[in-house]
């Protein structure tokens, strides 16, 4: 009897729960830190293809490196690593927060997941390595960041010739 009452209550509530989910707010206001301000200095974005990986051999991926305008290479910068490229106006947020002093000088490294080139000339589509890299229960992605990605970034220079130095402190 109790189970039947609970099922009846659930059946009556279900349309309201579904309706609430369907009409949930989709249009959230933009946070001020995500709005580009022409008076705030903009960092630069360097791009490269990472085609050599010891951890994920045979993969290729696009990488973006955001270097804030305040970076001067006199000391190593903090590090942010993002997956799936640059999203959600991240570089604008970095520009605004670093300029205000709410965030330390931070270099952002944004990398796509790897792609494996298909050897079959009939196929036009590369195999994506995303699920294997991000979702597997192993530490290979962390090894990839440490052994492949960050050394490639630190081998770069900014457009003004500054070497990119990343902090080795875990808190950075």
N, C-alpha and C. Protein backbone atom coordinates (compact mmCIF):
# COMPACT_ATOMS: atom_id res chain seq x y z
N UNK A 1 0.83 -1.19 0.00
CA UNK A 1 0.00 0.00 0.00
C UNK A 1 0.88 1.26 0.00
N UNK A 2 1.93 1.27 0.85
CA UNK A 2 2.79 2.45 0.89
C UNK A 2 3.50 2.66 -0.44
N UNK A 3 3.96 1.56 -1.04
CA UNK A 3 4.64 1.65 -2.33
C UNK A 3 3.71 2.24 -3.38
N UNK A 4 2.46 1.80 -3.37
CA UNK A 4 1.49 2.32 -4.33
C UNK A 4 1.27 3.82 -4.13
N UNK A 5 1.20 4.26 -2.89
CA UNK A 5 1.04 5.69 -2.61
C UNK A 5 2.25 6.50 -3.08
N UNK A 6 3.42 5.94 -2.85
CA UNK A 6 4.63 6.64 -3.30
C UNK A 6 4.69 6.72 -4.81
N UNK A 7 4.32 5.63 -5.49
CA UNK A 7 4.31 5.64 -6.94
C UNK A 7 3.28 6.63 -7.47
N UNK A 8 2.13 6.70 -6.83
CA UNK A 8 1.10 7.65 -7.25
C UNK A 8 1.59 9.09 -7.06
N UNK A 9 2.21 9.36 -5.93
CA UNK A 9 2.75 10.69 -5.66
C UNK A 9 3.82 11.05 -6.69
N UNK A 10 4.69 10.10 -7.00
CA UNK A 10 5.73 10.32 -7.99
C UNK A 10 5.12 10.60 -9.36
N UNK A 11 4.10 9.82 -9.75
CA UNK A 11 3.45 10.00 -11.04
C UNK A 11 2.80 11.38 -11.14
N UNK A 12 2.23 11.86 -10.03
CA UNK A 12 1.61 13.19 -10.04
C UNK A 12 2.66 14.30 -10.09
N UNK A 13 3.80 14.08 -9.46
CA UNK A 13 4.85 15.10 -9.42
C UNK A 13 5.70 15.14 -10.69
N UNK A 14 5.75 14.04 -11.41
CA UNK A 14 6.61 13.94 -12.58
C UNK A 14 6.40 15.06 -13.60
N UNK A 15 5.18 15.39 -14.00
CA UNK A 15 5.01 16.48 -14.98
C UNK A 15 5.59 17.81 -14.49
N UNK A 16 5.51 18.07 -13.20
CA UNK A 16 6.05 19.32 -12.67
C UNK A 16 7.58 19.31 -12.69
N UNK A 17 8.16 18.15 -12.38
CA UNK A 17 9.62 18.04 -12.40
C UNK A 17 10.14 18.19 -13.82
N UNK A 18 9.52 17.53 -14.77
CA UNK A 18 9.95 17.61 -16.17
C UNK A 18 9.73 19.02 -16.69
N UNK A 19 8.57 19.59 -16.39
CA UNK A 19 8.28 20.95 -16.84
C UNK A 19 9.29 21.95 -16.29
N UNK A 20 9.66 21.80 -15.04
CA UNK A 20 10.65 22.70 -14.46
C UNK A 20 12.00 22.57 -15.15
N UNK A 21 12.37 21.35 -15.49
CA UNK A 21 13.65 21.14 -16.18
C UNK A 21 13.61 21.72 -17.58
N UNK A 22 12.46 21.60 -18.26
CA UNK A 22 12.36 22.10 -19.62
C UNK A 22 12.40 23.62 -19.68
N UNK A 23 11.88 24.26 -18.65
CA UNK A 23 11.82 25.72 -18.65
C UNK A 23 12.88 26.34 -17.75
N UNK A 24 13.92 25.59 -17.43
CA UNK A 24 15.00 26.13 -16.60
C UNK A 24 15.68 27.26 -17.36
N UNK A 25 16.28 28.16 -16.63
CA UNK A 25 16.90 29.32 -17.26
C UNK A 25 18.09 28.90 -18.11
N UNK A 26 18.04 29.23 -19.40
CA UNK A 26 19.13 28.93 -20.32
C UNK A 26 20.01 30.15 -20.54
N UNK A 27 19.49 31.31 -20.28
CA UNK A 27 20.16 32.55 -20.64
C UNK A 27 20.72 33.22 -19.39
N UNK A 28 21.83 32.71 -18.90
CA UNK A 28 22.45 33.27 -17.71
C UNK A 28 23.16 34.56 -18.07
N UNK A 29 23.17 35.53 -17.16
CA UNK A 29 23.87 36.78 -17.46
C UNK A 29 25.38 36.56 -17.54
N UNK A 30 26.03 37.33 -18.39
CA UNK A 30 27.48 37.24 -18.54
C UNK A 30 28.13 37.90 -17.34
N UNK A 31 29.08 37.20 -16.74
CA UNK A 31 29.80 37.76 -15.60
C UNK A 31 30.74 38.86 -16.10
N UNK A 32 30.90 39.94 -15.35
CA UNK A 32 31.76 41.05 -15.80
C UNK A 32 33.19 40.62 -16.14
N UNK A 33 33.71 39.58 -15.48
CA UNK A 33 35.07 39.12 -15.77
C UNK A 33 35.18 38.47 -17.13
N UNK A 34 34.05 38.13 -17.75
CA UNK A 34 34.05 37.51 -19.08
C UNK A 34 33.86 38.53 -20.20
N UNK A 35 33.74 39.80 -19.84
CA UNK A 35 33.52 40.85 -20.84
C UNK A 35 34.85 41.52 -21.16
N UNK A 36 35.17 41.55 -22.45
CA UNK A 36 36.42 42.17 -22.88
C UNK A 36 36.38 43.67 -22.63
N UNK A 37 37.43 44.19 -22.03
CA UNK A 37 37.57 45.62 -21.75
C UNK A 37 38.71 46.15 -22.62
N UNK A 38 38.43 47.11 -23.51
CA UNK A 38 39.49 47.60 -24.42
C UNK A 38 40.64 48.29 -23.69
N UNK A 39 40.43 48.70 -22.43
CA UNK A 39 41.48 49.38 -21.68
C UNK A 39 42.42 48.43 -20.94
N UNK A 40 42.10 47.14 -20.96
CA UNK A 40 42.93 46.16 -20.25
C UNK A 40 43.88 45.51 -21.26
N UNK A 41 45.18 45.43 -20.93
CA UNK A 41 46.11 44.82 -21.87
C UNK A 41 45.77 43.35 -22.13
N UNK A 42 45.88 42.97 -23.39
CA UNK A 42 45.54 41.61 -23.80
C UNK A 42 46.81 40.76 -23.88
N UNK A 43 46.67 39.53 -23.42
CA UNK A 43 47.75 38.58 -23.59
C UNK A 43 47.81 38.11 -25.04
N UNK A 44 48.84 37.35 -25.34
CA UNK A 44 48.95 36.81 -26.69
C UNK A 44 48.68 35.31 -26.67
N UNK A 45 48.25 34.80 -27.81
CA UNK A 45 47.97 33.38 -27.93
C UNK A 45 48.89 32.81 -29.00
N UNK A 46 49.71 31.86 -28.59
CA UNK A 46 50.60 31.14 -29.50
C UNK A 46 49.97 29.79 -29.80
N UNK A 47 50.11 29.31 -31.01
CA UNK A 47 49.54 28.01 -31.35
C UNK A 47 50.61 27.13 -31.98
N UNK A 48 50.46 25.84 -31.79
CA UNK A 48 51.35 24.88 -32.45
C UNK A 48 50.68 23.52 -32.49
N UNK A 49 51.20 22.66 -33.34
CA UNK A 49 50.77 21.27 -33.42
C UNK A 49 51.78 20.42 -32.66
N UNK A 50 51.30 19.61 -31.75
CA UNK A 50 52.16 18.68 -31.04
C UNK A 50 52.00 17.32 -31.71
N UNK A 51 53.02 16.94 -32.47
CA UNK A 51 52.96 15.72 -33.26
C UNK A 51 53.84 14.60 -32.71
N UNK A 52 54.62 14.90 -31.71
CA UNK A 52 55.52 13.91 -31.12
C UNK A 52 55.10 13.68 -29.68
N UNK A 53 54.65 12.49 -29.37
CA UNK A 53 54.27 12.17 -28.00
C UNK A 53 54.89 10.83 -27.63
N UNK A 54 55.62 10.83 -26.51
CA UNK A 54 56.16 9.56 -25.99
C UNK A 54 55.05 8.76 -25.31
N UNK A 55 54.12 9.47 -24.72
CA UNK A 55 53.07 8.81 -23.93
C UNK A 55 51.94 8.29 -24.82
N UNK A 56 51.53 9.08 -25.81
CA UNK A 56 50.49 8.67 -26.76
C UNK A 56 51.09 8.68 -28.17
N UNK A 57 51.94 7.69 -28.49
CA UNK A 57 52.62 7.70 -29.80
C UNK A 57 51.62 7.66 -30.95
N UNK A 58 51.99 8.39 -32.01
CA UNK A 58 51.15 8.41 -33.20
C UNK A 58 50.06 9.45 -33.17
N UNK A 59 49.92 10.17 -32.05
CA UNK A 59 48.86 11.18 -31.97
C UNK A 59 49.38 12.54 -32.39
N UNK A 60 48.45 13.37 -32.80
CA UNK A 60 48.72 14.76 -33.16
C UNK A 60 47.62 15.59 -32.52
N UNK A 61 47.97 16.80 -32.07
CA UNK A 61 46.96 17.65 -31.44
C UNK A 61 47.35 19.11 -31.59
N UNK A 62 46.34 19.97 -31.60
CA UNK A 62 46.56 21.41 -31.64
C UNK A 62 46.64 21.93 -30.19
N UNK A 63 47.55 22.88 -29.98
CA UNK A 63 47.76 23.45 -28.65
C UNK A 63 47.79 24.97 -28.77
N UNK A 64 47.11 25.62 -27.84
CA UNK A 64 47.14 27.08 -27.72
C UNK A 64 47.82 27.42 -26.41
N UNK A 65 48.70 28.42 -26.44
CA UNK A 65 49.38 28.86 -25.23
C UNK A 65 49.06 30.34 -25.06
N UNK A 66 48.37 30.64 -23.96
CA UNK A 66 48.03 32.04 -23.63
C UNK A 66 49.13 32.59 -22.73
N UNK A 67 49.72 33.70 -23.13
CA UNK A 67 50.74 34.36 -22.32
C UNK A 67 50.21 35.75 -21.98
N UNK A 68 50.01 36.04 -20.68
CA UNK A 68 49.44 37.34 -20.32
C UNK A 68 50.39 38.50 -20.64
N UNK A 69 49.82 39.66 -20.85
CA UNK A 69 50.62 40.85 -21.16
C UNK A 69 51.59 41.18 -20.03
N UNK A 70 51.27 40.80 -18.80
CA UNK A 70 52.11 41.12 -17.65
C UNK A 70 53.31 40.18 -17.49
N UNK A 71 53.38 39.13 -18.29
CA UNK A 71 54.47 38.16 -18.19
C UNK A 71 55.77 38.80 -18.67
N UNK A 72 56.83 38.68 -17.87
CA UNK A 72 58.12 39.27 -18.27
C UNK A 72 59.29 38.29 -18.19
N UNK A 73 59.07 37.07 -17.87
CA UNK A 73 60.06 35.98 -17.78
C UNK A 73 61.11 36.16 -16.68
N UNK A 74 60.95 37.17 -15.84
CA UNK A 74 61.90 37.34 -14.74
C UNK A 74 61.68 36.29 -13.65
N UNK A 75 60.49 35.74 -13.63
CA UNK A 75 60.20 34.63 -12.72
C UNK A 75 59.19 33.71 -13.39
N UNK A 76 59.21 32.43 -13.04
CA UNK A 76 58.28 31.49 -13.67
C UNK A 76 56.83 31.87 -13.38
N UNK A 77 55.97 31.62 -14.35
CA UNK A 77 54.55 31.95 -14.23
C UNK A 77 53.78 30.76 -13.69
N UNK A 78 52.64 31.05 -13.09
CA UNK A 78 51.71 29.99 -12.69
C UNK A 78 51.20 29.32 -13.96
N UNK A 79 50.56 28.17 -13.80
CA UNK A 79 50.15 27.38 -14.94
C UNK A 79 48.68 26.98 -14.82
N UNK A 80 47.98 27.06 -15.95
CA UNK A 80 46.63 26.53 -16.07
C UNK A 80 46.64 25.62 -17.30
N UNK A 81 46.13 24.40 -17.15
CA UNK A 81 46.02 23.49 -18.29
C UNK A 81 44.54 23.21 -18.52
N UNK A 82 44.09 23.42 -19.74
CA UNK A 82 42.70 23.18 -20.10
C UNK A 82 42.62 22.17 -21.23
N UNK A 83 41.61 21.34 -21.18
CA UNK A 83 41.39 20.34 -22.22
C UNK A 83 40.39 20.87 -23.25
N UNK A 84 40.43 20.29 -24.43
CA UNK A 84 39.48 20.60 -25.50
C UNK A 84 39.59 22.02 -26.03
N UNK A 85 40.77 22.61 -25.97
CA UNK A 85 40.97 23.93 -26.54
C UNK A 85 40.53 25.05 -25.61
N UNK A 86 40.52 26.27 -26.14
CA UNK A 86 40.14 27.45 -25.35
C UNK A 86 38.63 27.55 -25.36
N UNK A 87 38.04 27.63 -24.18
CA UNK A 87 36.58 27.71 -24.07
C UNK A 87 36.18 28.80 -23.08
N UNK A 88 34.92 29.19 -23.19
CA UNK A 88 34.26 30.05 -22.20
C UNK A 88 35.00 31.37 -21.98
N UNK A 89 35.50 31.98 -23.03
CA UNK A 89 36.19 33.27 -22.92
C UNK A 89 37.31 33.24 -21.88
N UNK A 90 38.00 32.12 -21.79
CA UNK A 90 39.02 31.94 -20.76
C UNK A 90 40.10 33.01 -20.83
N UNK A 91 40.56 33.35 -22.01
CA UNK A 91 41.65 34.33 -22.08
C UNK A 91 41.18 35.72 -21.68
N UNK A 92 39.94 36.06 -21.98
CA UNK A 92 39.40 37.34 -21.52
C UNK A 92 39.31 37.37 -20.01
N UNK A 93 38.86 36.27 -19.41
CA UNK A 93 38.78 36.18 -17.95
C UNK A 93 40.18 36.31 -17.36
N UNK A 94 41.15 35.61 -17.95
CA UNK A 94 42.54 35.71 -17.46
C UNK A 94 43.02 37.15 -17.54
N UNK A 95 42.82 37.80 -18.70
CA UNK A 95 43.24 39.20 -18.86
C UNK A 95 42.66 40.08 -17.76
N UNK A 96 41.36 39.95 -17.53
CA UNK A 96 40.68 40.79 -16.54
C UNK A 96 41.16 40.51 -15.13
N UNK A 97 41.24 39.24 -14.75
CA UNK A 97 41.62 38.90 -13.37
C UNK A 97 43.09 39.21 -13.08
N UNK A 98 43.96 38.96 -14.04
CA UNK A 98 45.38 39.28 -13.83
C UNK A 98 45.55 40.79 -13.73
N UNK A 99 44.87 41.54 -14.59
CA UNK A 99 44.96 43.00 -14.56
C UNK A 99 44.49 43.56 -13.21
N UNK A 100 43.41 43.00 -12.68
CA UNK A 100 42.88 43.48 -11.39
C UNK A 100 43.72 43.00 -10.20
N UNK A 101 44.61 42.06 -10.41
CA UNK A 101 45.40 41.51 -9.32
C UNK A 101 44.68 40.41 -8.56
N UNK A 102 43.56 39.93 -9.09
CA UNK A 102 42.81 38.85 -8.45
C UNK A 102 43.37 37.47 -8.80
N UNK A 103 44.28 37.44 -9.74
CA UNK A 103 44.88 36.18 -10.19
C UNK A 103 46.35 36.47 -10.49
N UNK A 104 47.25 35.57 -10.11
CA UNK A 104 48.66 35.81 -10.42
C UNK A 104 48.91 35.68 -11.93
N UNK A 105 50.06 36.13 -12.37
CA UNK A 105 50.43 35.97 -13.77
C UNK A 105 50.44 34.46 -14.07
N UNK A 106 49.58 34.07 -14.98
CA UNK A 106 49.34 32.65 -15.26
C UNK A 106 49.38 32.40 -16.76
N UNK A 107 50.15 31.42 -17.15
CA UNK A 107 50.17 31.00 -18.55
C UNK A 107 49.16 29.87 -18.70
N UNK A 108 48.30 30.02 -19.68
CA UNK A 108 47.29 29.00 -19.95
C UNK A 108 47.71 28.12 -21.11
N UNK A 109 47.65 26.82 -20.90
CA UNK A 109 47.96 25.86 -21.95
C UNK A 109 46.67 25.10 -22.24
N UNK A 110 46.17 25.25 -23.45
CA UNK A 110 44.89 24.66 -23.83
C UNK A 110 45.17 23.68 -24.97
N UNK A 111 44.90 22.41 -24.74
CA UNK A 111 45.24 21.39 -25.73
C UNK A 111 44.00 20.59 -26.11
N UNK A 112 43.91 20.29 -27.39
CA UNK A 112 42.90 19.33 -27.83
C UNK A 112 43.38 17.92 -27.51
N UNK A 113 42.47 17.00 -27.53
CA UNK A 113 42.83 15.59 -27.40
C UNK A 113 43.56 15.15 -28.66
N UNK A 114 44.23 14.03 -28.55
CA UNK A 114 44.99 13.52 -29.68
C UNK A 114 44.10 12.94 -30.78
N UNK A 115 44.65 12.96 -31.98
CA UNK A 115 44.04 12.32 -33.14
C UNK A 115 45.06 11.34 -33.68
N UNK A 116 44.59 10.19 -34.06
CA UNK A 116 45.46 9.18 -34.67
C UNK A 116 45.19 9.18 -36.17
N UNK A 117 46.23 9.40 -36.95
CA UNK A 117 46.08 9.38 -38.40
C UNK A 117 45.74 7.96 -38.84
N UNK A 118 44.77 7.86 -39.68
CA UNK A 118 44.35 6.57 -40.21
C UNK A 118 45.22 6.24 -41.43
N UNK A 119 45.77 5.04 -41.43
CA UNK A 119 46.64 4.61 -42.53
C UNK A 119 45.85 4.21 -43.77
N UNK A 120 44.56 3.93 -43.61
CA UNK A 120 43.73 3.45 -44.71
C UNK A 120 43.45 4.59 -45.68
N UNK A 121 43.93 4.51 -46.92
CA UNK A 121 43.69 5.60 -47.87
C UNK A 121 42.22 5.77 -48.24
N UNK A 122 41.40 4.74 -48.01
CA UNK A 122 39.97 4.83 -48.29
C UNK A 122 39.25 5.70 -47.26
N UNK A 123 39.81 5.77 -46.06
CA UNK A 123 39.16 6.51 -44.97
C UNK A 123 39.63 7.95 -44.96
N UNK A 124 38.72 8.85 -44.72
CA UNK A 124 39.03 10.28 -44.68
C UNK A 124 39.04 10.80 -43.24
N UNK A 125 38.72 9.94 -42.27
CA UNK A 125 38.50 10.41 -40.91
C UNK A 125 39.58 9.86 -39.98
N UNK A 126 40.20 10.74 -39.23
CA UNK A 126 41.15 10.32 -38.21
C UNK A 126 40.39 9.74 -37.03
N UNK A 127 41.04 8.89 -36.26
CA UNK A 127 40.43 8.35 -35.05
C UNK A 127 40.73 9.29 -33.89
N UNK A 128 39.71 9.67 -33.16
CA UNK A 128 39.89 10.55 -32.01
C UNK A 128 40.35 9.72 -30.81
N UNK A 129 41.28 10.26 -30.06
CA UNK A 129 41.84 9.56 -28.92
C UNK A 129 41.29 10.12 -27.61
N UNK A 130 40.26 10.95 -27.69
CA UNK A 130 39.76 11.70 -26.54
C UNK A 130 39.35 10.80 -25.38
N UNK A 131 38.49 9.85 -25.62
CA UNK A 131 37.99 9.02 -24.54
C UNK A 131 39.12 8.24 -23.87
N UNK A 132 40.02 7.71 -24.67
CA UNK A 132 41.14 6.96 -24.11
C UNK A 132 42.01 7.86 -23.22
N UNK A 133 42.29 9.07 -23.68
CA UNK A 133 43.15 9.97 -22.93
C UNK A 133 42.48 10.50 -21.66
N UNK A 134 41.23 10.95 -21.77
CA UNK A 134 40.57 11.64 -20.66
C UNK A 134 39.82 10.71 -19.72
N UNK A 135 39.23 9.64 -20.24
CA UNK A 135 38.29 8.85 -19.45
C UNK A 135 38.87 7.57 -18.87
N UNK A 136 40.00 7.14 -19.35
CA UNK A 136 40.56 5.86 -18.88
C UNK A 136 41.08 5.98 -17.45
N UNK A 137 41.09 4.86 -16.78
CA UNK A 137 41.56 4.83 -15.39
C UNK A 137 43.05 4.51 -15.35
N UNK A 138 43.82 5.44 -15.82
CA UNK A 138 45.28 5.33 -15.77
C UNK A 138 45.85 6.72 -15.60
N UNK A 139 47.14 6.80 -15.41
CA UNK A 139 47.76 8.11 -15.19
C UNK A 139 48.47 8.63 -16.44
N UNK A 140 48.14 8.09 -17.60
CA UNK A 140 48.85 8.47 -18.81
C UNK A 140 48.63 9.93 -19.20
N UNK A 141 47.45 10.47 -18.95
CA UNK A 141 47.24 11.87 -19.34
C UNK A 141 48.10 12.80 -18.48
N UNK A 142 48.22 12.50 -17.21
CA UNK A 142 49.11 13.29 -16.35
C UNK A 142 50.56 13.16 -16.83
N UNK A 143 50.96 11.96 -17.21
CA UNK A 143 52.31 11.77 -17.75
C UNK A 143 52.47 12.55 -19.05
N UNK A 144 51.45 12.54 -19.89
CA UNK A 144 51.50 13.29 -21.14
C UNK A 144 51.74 14.78 -20.87
N UNK A 145 51.00 15.33 -19.91
CA UNK A 145 51.18 16.75 -19.58
C UNK A 145 52.61 17.01 -19.12
N UNK A 146 53.11 16.17 -18.24
CA UNK A 146 54.44 16.37 -17.65
C UNK A 146 55.58 16.09 -18.64
N UNK A 147 55.44 15.03 -19.44
CA UNK A 147 56.55 14.61 -20.28
C UNK A 147 56.52 15.14 -21.70
N UNK A 148 55.33 15.43 -22.22
CA UNK A 148 55.21 15.86 -23.61
C UNK A 148 54.77 17.31 -23.75
N UNK A 149 53.65 17.64 -23.13
CA UNK A 149 53.03 18.94 -23.36
C UNK A 149 53.82 20.10 -22.76
N UNK A 150 54.10 20.05 -21.47
CA UNK A 150 54.78 21.19 -20.84
C UNK A 150 56.20 21.41 -21.35
N UNK A 151 56.99 20.35 -21.60
CA UNK A 151 58.30 20.61 -22.20
C UNK A 151 58.20 21.28 -23.58
N UNK A 152 57.20 20.92 -24.37
CA UNK A 152 57.01 21.57 -25.67
C UNK A 152 56.67 23.05 -25.49
N UNK A 153 55.85 23.36 -24.49
CA UNK A 153 55.50 24.76 -24.22
C UNK A 153 56.73 25.53 -23.75
N UNK A 154 57.50 24.93 -22.86
CA UNK A 154 58.68 25.63 -22.33
C UNK A 154 59.79 25.79 -23.37
N UNK A 155 59.71 25.10 -24.46
CA UNK A 155 60.69 25.26 -25.55
C UNK A 155 60.32 26.45 -26.44
N UNK A 156 59.16 27.04 -26.21
CA UNK A 156 58.68 28.15 -27.03
C UNK A 156 59.18 29.49 -26.51
N UNK A 157 59.02 30.50 -27.34
CA UNK A 157 59.26 31.89 -26.95
C UNK A 157 58.04 32.72 -27.36
N UNK A 158 57.83 33.80 -26.64
CA UNK A 158 56.74 34.70 -27.00
C UNK A 158 57.10 35.43 -28.29
N UNK A 159 56.16 36.18 -28.85
CA UNK A 159 56.45 36.92 -30.08
C UNK A 159 57.53 37.97 -29.88
N UNK A 160 57.73 38.41 -28.63
CA UNK A 160 58.80 39.38 -28.35
C UNK A 160 60.10 38.69 -27.95
N UNK A 161 60.15 37.37 -28.01
CA UNK A 161 61.39 36.65 -27.75
C UNK A 161 61.60 36.19 -26.32
N UNK A 162 60.61 36.38 -25.44
CA UNK A 162 60.77 35.95 -24.06
C UNK A 162 60.62 34.43 -23.96
N UNK A 163 61.51 33.79 -23.21
CA UNK A 163 61.34 32.35 -23.00
C UNK A 163 60.15 32.10 -22.07
N UNK A 164 59.45 31.01 -22.30
CA UNK A 164 58.32 30.67 -21.44
C UNK A 164 58.84 29.82 -20.30
N UNK A 165 58.63 30.32 -19.09
CA UNK A 165 59.06 29.61 -17.89
C UNK A 165 57.84 29.34 -17.02
N UNK A 166 57.62 28.08 -16.75
CA UNK A 166 56.47 27.67 -15.92
C UNK A 166 56.96 27.29 -14.53
N UNK A 167 56.22 27.72 -13.53
CA UNK A 167 56.57 27.40 -12.16
C UNK A 167 56.50 25.88 -11.92
N UNK A 168 57.41 25.39 -11.12
CA UNK A 168 57.40 23.96 -10.76
C UNK A 168 56.70 23.74 -9.42
N UNK A 169 56.25 24.82 -8.77
CA UNK A 169 55.56 24.70 -7.49
C UNK A 169 54.16 24.15 -7.71
N UNK A 170 53.77 23.12 -7.00
CA UNK A 170 52.42 22.54 -7.16
C UNK A 170 51.30 23.55 -6.89
N UNK A 171 51.53 24.53 -6.03
CA UNK A 171 50.49 25.50 -5.71
C UNK A 171 50.34 26.56 -6.80
N UNK A 172 51.23 26.58 -7.77
CA UNK A 172 51.15 27.54 -8.87
C UNK A 172 50.46 26.95 -10.08
